[in-house]
Amino acid sequence: MKFQSFLMLIILTSLCLGCSQQTKNLYRLELERACVDCNLKGVNLSKQNLGTKYRLPRGSSPLSVTPFGIEEAEPVDLTRANLTDANLFQADLTSVIFNEANLQQANLSETDLQEAQLKDSNLQAANLQQANLNKANLFGANLQGADLRGAKLEETNLTGIITNEKTIWDKGSEN
């Protein structure tokens, strides 16, 4: 399975000689469900499904259905990825691993981040309005200036988070 993914990556990369590094990183994400340390600054993955239940896109995009159908998938790993200014509006990011990722000024509004791993991630000035963060791990995350109005935070690990006076919370949601 790993060999097939690697072979596909080589084929797609060779077909994509004039492609940007971001496009190559999206191919990596598509084939391997991982893009550790990759640069996806400003990427538009609005309404995409990268969650663990299945991988059907919600709209037209470069990401497609897995060749294995609608099956349980491994969590997508975006550890230490740069997603600054990314548009992830209404994306399904259930269980996605964003540990130490840079999501500064990212649009995560109405996004499903249930059970996502955001340990030590940078969410400065991120838009998390109406996001589902139930059971997510935000241990040590930087939420300075983030907008969490309407965010669901049931059983969310908020230990060691960094906030400031510009962080916007609904009354009572900080606990």
C-alpha atoms as a PDB file:
ATOM      1  CA  MET A   1       0.000   0.000   0.000  1.00  0.00           C
ATOM      2  CA  LYS A   2       2.792   2.445   0.928  1.00  0.00           C
ATOM      3  CA  PHE A   3       4.681   1.453  -2.236  1.00  0.00           C
ATOM      4  CA  GLN A   4       1.606   2.116  -4.392  1.00  0.00           C
ATOM      5  CA  SER A   5       1.179   5.567  -2.799  1.00  0.00           C
ATOM      6  CA  PHE A   6       4.864   6.318  -3.311  1.00  0.00           C
ATOM      7  CA  LEU A   7       4.708   5.178  -6.939  1.00  0.00           C
ATOM      8  CA  MET A   8       1.582   7.288  -7.553  1.00  0.00           C
ATOM      9  CA  LEU A   9       3.321  10.278  -5.973  1.00  0.00           C
ATOM     10  CA  ILE A  10       6.303   9.878  -8.309  1.00  0.00           C
ATOM     11  CA  ILE A  11       4.018   9.587 -11.353  1.00  0.00           C
ATOM     12  CA  LEU A  12       1.916  12.622 -10.393  1.00  0.00           C
ATOM     13  CA  THR A  13       4.994  14.680  -9.503  1.00  0.00           C
ATOM     14  CA  SER A  14       6.581  13.909 -12.865  1.00  0.00           C
ATOM     15  CA  LEU A  15       3.356  14.928 -14.627  1.00  0.00           C
ATOM     16  CA  CYS A  16       3.359  18.094 -12.600  1.00  0.00           C
ATOM     17  CA  LEU A  17       6.742  19.533 -13.576  1.00  0.00           C
ATOM     18  CA  GLY A  18       5.498  23.125 -13.679  1.00  0.00           C
ATOM     19  CA  CYS A  19       3.347  22.810 -10.567  1.00  0.00           C
ATOM     20  CA  SER A  20       3.903  24.882  -7.474  1.00  0.00           C
ATOM     21  CA  GLN A  21       5.235  23.352  -4.282  1.00  0.00           C
ATOM     22  CA  GLN A  22       1.791  23.868  -2.770  1.00  0.00           C
ATOM     23  CA  THR A  23       0.213  21.720  -5.496  1.00  0.00           C
ATOM     24  CA  LYS A  24       2.830  19.025  -4.908  1.00  0.00           C
ATOM     25  CA  ASN A  25       2.059  19.187  -1.177  1.00  0.00           C
ATOM     26  CA  LEU A  26      -1.649  18.752  -1.948  1.00  0.00           C
ATOM     27  CA  TYR A  27      -0.777  15.633  -3.971  1.00  0.00           C
ATOM     28  CA  ARG A  28       1.143  14.333  -0.949  1.00  0.00           C
ATOM     29  CA  LEU A  29      -1.862  15.039   1.242  1.00  0.00           C
ATOM     30  CA  GLU A  30      -4.183  13.310  -1.231  1.00  0.00           C
ATOM     31  CA  LEU A  31      -2.099  10.164  -1.611  1.00  0.00           C
ATOM     32  CA  GLU A  32      -0.507   9.730   1.786  1.00  0.00           C
ATOM     33  CA  ARG A  33      -3.077  11.457   4.049  1.00  0.00           C
ATOM     34  CA  ALA A  34      -0.078  13.270   5.514  1.00  0.00           C
ATOM     35  CA  CYS A  35       1.930  16.362   4.779  1.00  0.00           C
ATOM     36  CA  VAL A  36       4.213  16.824   7.786  1.00  0.00           C
ATOM     37  CA  ASP A  37       6.229  20.075   7.721  1.00  0.00           C
ATOM     38  CA  CYS A  38       4.650  21.111   4.415  1.00  0.00           C
ATOM     39  CA  ASN A  39       3.759  24.614   3.312  1.00  0.00           C
ATOM     40  CA  LEU A  40       0.075  25.091   2.502  1.00  0.00           C
ATOM     41  CA  LYS A  41       0.000  28.812   3.224  1.00  0.00           C
ATOM     42  CA  GLY A  42      -3.222  30.382   1.932  1.00  0.00           C
ATOM     43  CA  VAL A  43      -4.602  27.071   0.630  1.00  0.00           C
ATOM     44  CA  ASN A  44      -8.353  26.885  -0.035  1.00  0.00           C
ATOM     45  CA  LEU A  45      -9.789  23.663   1.337  1.00  0.00           C
ATOM     46  CA  SER A  46     -13.210  25.085   2.072  1.00  0.00           C
ATOM     47  CA  LYS A  47     -15.872  22.392   2.508  1.00  0.00           C
ATOM     48  CA  GLN A  48     -13.336  19.567   2.047  1.00  0.00           C
ATOM     49  CA  ASN A  49     -13.594  16.321   3.950  1.00  0.00           C
ATOM     50  CA  LEU A  50     -10.299  15.227   5.460  1.00  0.00           C
ATOM     51  CA  GLY A  51     -11.953  13.513   8.423  1.00  0.00           C
ATOM     52  CA  THR A  52     -11.477   9.911   9.506  1.00  0.00           C
ATOM     53  CA  LYS A  53     -14.897   8.585   8.541  1.00  0.00           C
ATOM     54  CA  TYR A  54     -14.594   8.920   4.765  1.00  0.00           C
ATOM     55  CA  ARG A  55     -13.082  11.180   2.133  1.00  0.00           C
ATOM     56  CA  LEU A  56     -15.809  12.564  -0.071  1.00  0.00           C
ATOM     57  CA  PRO A  57     -15.352  16.178  -1.103  1.00  0.00           C
ATOM     58  CA  ARG A  58     -18.281  18.494  -0.364  1.00  0.00           C
ATOM     59  CA  GLY A  59     -17.524  20.628  -3.407  1.00  0.00           C
ATOM     60  CA  SER A  60     -15.321  20.701  -6.465  1.00  0.00           C
ATOM     61  CA  SER A  61     -11.650  20.619  -5.540  1.00  0.00           C
ATOM     62  CA  PRO A  62      -8.363  18.849  -6.136  1.00  0.00           C
ATOM     63  CA  LEU A  63      -9.148  16.318  -3.383  1.00  0.00           C
ATOM     64  CA  SER A  64     -11.114  13.265  -4.434  1.00  0.00           C
ATOM     65  CA  VAL A  65     -12.659  10.052  -3.192  1.00  0.00           C
ATOM     66  CA  THR A  66     -10.158   7.421  -2.059  1.00  0.00           C
ATOM     67  CA  PRO A  67      -9.654   4.539  -4.468  1.00  0.00           C
ATOM     68  CA  PHE A  68     -10.845   2.290  -1.654  1.00  0.00           C
ATOM     69  CA  GLY A  69     -14.315   3.793  -1.423  1.00  0.00           C
ATOM     70  CA  ILE A  70     -16.076   5.174   1.616  1.00  0.00           C
ATOM     71  CA  GLU A  71     -14.142   3.437   4.356  1.00  0.00           C
ATOM     72  CA  GLU A  72     -12.699   4.371   7.732  1.00  0.00           C
ATOM     73  CA  ALA A  73      -9.498   6.258   7.077  1.00  0.00           C
ATOM     74  CA  GLU A  74      -6.388   7.023   9.098  1.00  0.00           C
ATOM     75  CA  PRO A  75      -6.290  10.549  10.522  1.00  0.00           C
ATOM     76  CA  VAL A  76      -4.713  13.112   8.232  1.00  0.00           C
ATOM     77  CA  ASP A  77      -1.371  14.259   9.680  1.00  0.00           C
ATOM     78  CA  LEU A  78      -0.505  17.922   9.187  1.00  0.00           C
ATOM     79  CA  THR A  79       2.019  18.148  12.024  1.00  0.00           C
ATOM     80  CA  ARG A  80       4.084  21.347  11.806  1.00  0.00           C
ATOM     81  CA  ALA A  81       2.361  22.311   8.530  1.00  0.00           C
ATOM     82  CA  ASN A  82       2.120  25.985   7.606  1.00  0.00           C
ATOM     83  CA  LEU A  83      -1.557  26.769   7.045  1.00  0.00           C
ATOM     84  CA  THR A  84      -1.301  30.507   7.638  1.00  0.00           C
ATOM     85  CA  ASP A  85      -4.260  32.320   6.020  1.00  0.00           C
ATOM     86  CA  ALA A  86      -5.750  28.981   4.893  1.00  0.00           C
ATOM     87  CA  ASN A  87      -9.474  28.819   4.113  1.00  0.00           C
ATOM     88  CA  LEU A  88     -10.900  25.756   5.855  1.00  0.00           C
ATOM     89  CA  PHE A  89     -14.466  27.072   6.098  1.00  0.00           C
ATOM     90  CA  GLN A  90     -16.965  24.243   6.775  1.00  0.00           C
ATOM     91  CA  ALA A  91     -14.291  21.583   6.267  1.00  0.00           C
ATOM     92  CA  ASP A  92     -14.579  18.211   7.988  1.00  0.00           C
ATOM     93  CA  LEU A  93     -11.315  17.937   9.894  1.00  0.00           C
ATOM     94  CA  THR A  94     -12.472  15.280  12.345  1.00  0.00           C
ATOM     95  CA  SER A  95      -9.443  13.751  14.130  1.00  0.00           C
ATOM     96  CA  VAL A  96      -6.933  15.595  11.889  1.00  0.00           C
ATOM     97  CA  ILE A  97      -3.518  16.026  13.521  1.00  0.00           C
ATOM     98  CA  PHE A  98      -2.390  19.678  13.570  1.00  0.00           C
ATOM     99  CA  ASN A  99       0.204  19.393  16.340  1.00  0.00           C
ATOM    100  CA  GLU A 100       2.635  22.355  16.220  1.00  0.00           C
ATOM    101  CA  ALA A 101       0.943  23.562  13.007  1.00  0.00           C
ATOM    102  CA  ASN A 102       0.720  27.226  12.077  1.00  0.00           C
ATOM    103  CA  LEU A 103      -2.940  28.130  11.569  1.00  0.00           C
ATOM    104  CA  GLN A 104      -2.442  31.836  12.151  1.00  0.00           C
ATOM    105  CA  GLN A 105      -5.302  33.881  10.650  1.00  0.00           C
ATOM    106  CA  ALA A 106      -6.848  30.711   9.184  1.00  0.00           C
ATOM    107  CA  ASN A 107     -10.583  30.615   8.509  1.00  0.00           C
ATOM    108  CA  LEU A 108     -11.845  27.641  10.505  1.00  0.00           C
ATOM    109  CA  SER A 109     -15.389  28.947  10.906  1.00  0.00           C
ATOM    110  CA  GLU A 110     -18.108  26.283  10.955  1.00  0.00           C
ATOM    111  CA  THR A 111     -15.376  23.638  10.681  1.00  0.00           C
ATOM    112  CA  ASP A 112     -15.701  20.208  12.302  1.00  0.00           C
ATOM    113  CA  LEU A 113     -12.559  19.777  14.404  1.00  0.00           C
ATOM    114  CA  GLN A 114     -14.065  17.159  16.701  1.00  0.00           C
ATOM    115  CA  GLU A 115     -11.304  15.039  18.278  1.00  0.00           C
ATOM    116  CA  ALA A 116      -8.657  16.982  16.300  1.00  0.00           C
ATOM    117  CA  GLN A 117      -5.144  17.237  17.726  1.00  0.00           C
ATOM    118  CA  LEU A 118      -4.020  20.881  17.925  1.00  0.00           C
ATOM    119  CA  LYS A 119      -1.322  20.505  20.576  1.00  0.00           C
ATOM    120  CA  ASP A 120       1.045  23.504  20.662  1.00  0.00           C
ATOM    121  CA  SER A 121      -0.495  24.867  17.443  1.00  0.00           C
ATOM    122  CA  ASN A 122      -0.523  28.552  16.517  1.00  0.00           C
ATOM    123  CA  LEU A 123      -4.109  29.754  16.134  1.00  0.00           C
ATOM    124  CA  GLN A 124      -3.388  33.465  16.571  1.00  0.00           C
ATOM    125  CA  ALA A 125      -6.191  35.561  15.053  1.00  0.00           C
ATOM    126  CA  ALA A 126      -7.829  32.412  13.641  1.00  0.00           C
ATOM    127  CA  ASN A 127     -11.561  32.487  12.929  1.00  0.00           C
ATOM    128  CA  LEU A 128     -13.085  29.590  14.869  1.00  0.00           C
ATOM    129  CA  GLN A 129     -16.656  30.913  14.951  1.00  0.00           C
ATOM    130  CA  GLN A 130     -19.210  28.094  15.203  1.00  0.00           C
ATOM    131  CA  ALA A 131     -16.395  25.488  14.969  1.00  0.00           C
ATOM    132  CA  ASN A 132     -16.971  22.087  16.546  1.00  0.00           C
ATOM    133  CA  LEU A 133     -14.011  21.560  18.879  1.00  0.00           C
ATOM    134  CA  ASN A 134     -15.700  18.906  21.022  1.00  0.00           C
ATOM    135  CA  LYS A 135     -13.104  16.464  22.436  1.00  0.00           C
ATOM    136  CA  ALA A 136     -10.295  18.306  20.591  1.00  0.00           C
ATOM    137  CA  ASN A 137      -6.855  18.591  22.176  1.00  0.00           C
ATOM    138  CA  LEU A 138      -5.729  22.238  22.281  1.00  0.00           C
ATOM    139  CA  PHE A 139      -3.021  21.661  24.907  1.00  0.00           C
ATOM    140  CA  GLY A 140      -0.611  24.613  24.785  1.00  0.00           C
ATOM    141  CA  ALA A 141      -2.252  26.174  21.710  1.00  0.00           C
ATOM    142  CA  ASN A 142      -1.806  29.891  21.075  1.00  0.00           C
ATOM    143  CA  LEU A 143      -5.282  31.433  20.796  1.00  0.00           C
ATOM    144  CA  GLN A 144      -4.261  35.095  21.059  1.00  0.00           C
ATOM    145  CA  GLY A 145      -6.773  37.154  19.115  1.00  0.00           C
ATOM    146  CA  ALA A 146      -8.721  34.069  17.980  1.00  0.00           C
ATOM    147  CA  ASP A 147     -12.497  34.336  17.549  1.00  0.00           C
ATOM    148  CA  LEU A 148     -14.262  31.433  19.251  1.00  0.00           C
ATOM    149  CA  ARG A 149     -17.803  32.829  19.297  1.00  0.00           C
ATOM    150  CA  GLY A 150     -20.284  29.982  19.111  1.00  0.00           C
ATOM    151  CA  ALA A 151     -17.549  27.321  19.169  1.00  0.00           C
ATOM    152  CA  LYS A 152     -18.462  23.980  20.723  1.00  0.00           C
ATOM    153  CA  LEU A 153     -15.935  23.129  23.428  1.00  0.00           C
ATOM    154  CA  GLU A 154     -17.389  20.124  25.270  1.00  0.00           C
ATOM    155  CA  GLU A 155     -14.653  17.886  26.705  1.00  0.00           C
ATOM    156  CA  THR A 156     -12.027  20.001  24.913  1.00  0.00           C
ATOM    157  CA  ASN A 157      -8.547  20.005  26.456  1.00  0.00           C
ATOM    158  CA  LEU A 158      -7.728  23.695  27.013  1.00  0.00           C
ATOM    159  CA  THR A 159      -4.803  23.046  29.370  1.00  0.00           C
ATOM    160  CA  GLY A 160      -1.989  25.556  28.930  1.00  0.00           C
ATOM    161  CA  ILE A 161      -3.644  27.559  26.139  1.00  0.00           C
ATOM    162  CA  ILE A 162      -2.361  31.079  25.521  1.00  0.00           C
ATOM    163  CA  THR A 163      -4.976  33.822  25.250  1.00  0.00           C
ATOM    164  CA  ASN A 164      -5.060  37.600  25.491  1.00  0.00           C
ATOM    165  CA  GLU A 165      -7.616  40.402  25.705  1.00  0.00           C
ATOM    166  CA  LYS A 166      -8.222  40.107  21.953  1.00  0.00           C
ATOM    167  CA  THR A 167      -9.319  36.466  22.205  1.00  0.00           C
ATOM    168  CA  ILE A 168     -13.107  36.427  21.749  1.00  0.00           C
ATOM    169  CA  TRP A 169     -15.101  33.861  23.749  1.00  0.00           C
ATOM    170  CA  ASP A 170     -18.803  33.395  24.338  1.00  0.00           C
ATOM    171  CA  LYS A 171     -19.694  34.038  27.936  1.00  0.00           C
ATOM    172  CA  GLY A 172     -18.899  30.922  29.951  1.00  0.00           C
ATOM    173  CA  SER A 173     -17.238  28.963  27.107  1.00  0.00           C
ATOM    174  CA  GLU A 174     -13.704  29.474  28.432  1.00  0.00           C
ATOM    175  CA  ASN A 175     -14.164  26.882  31.178  1.00  0.00           C
END
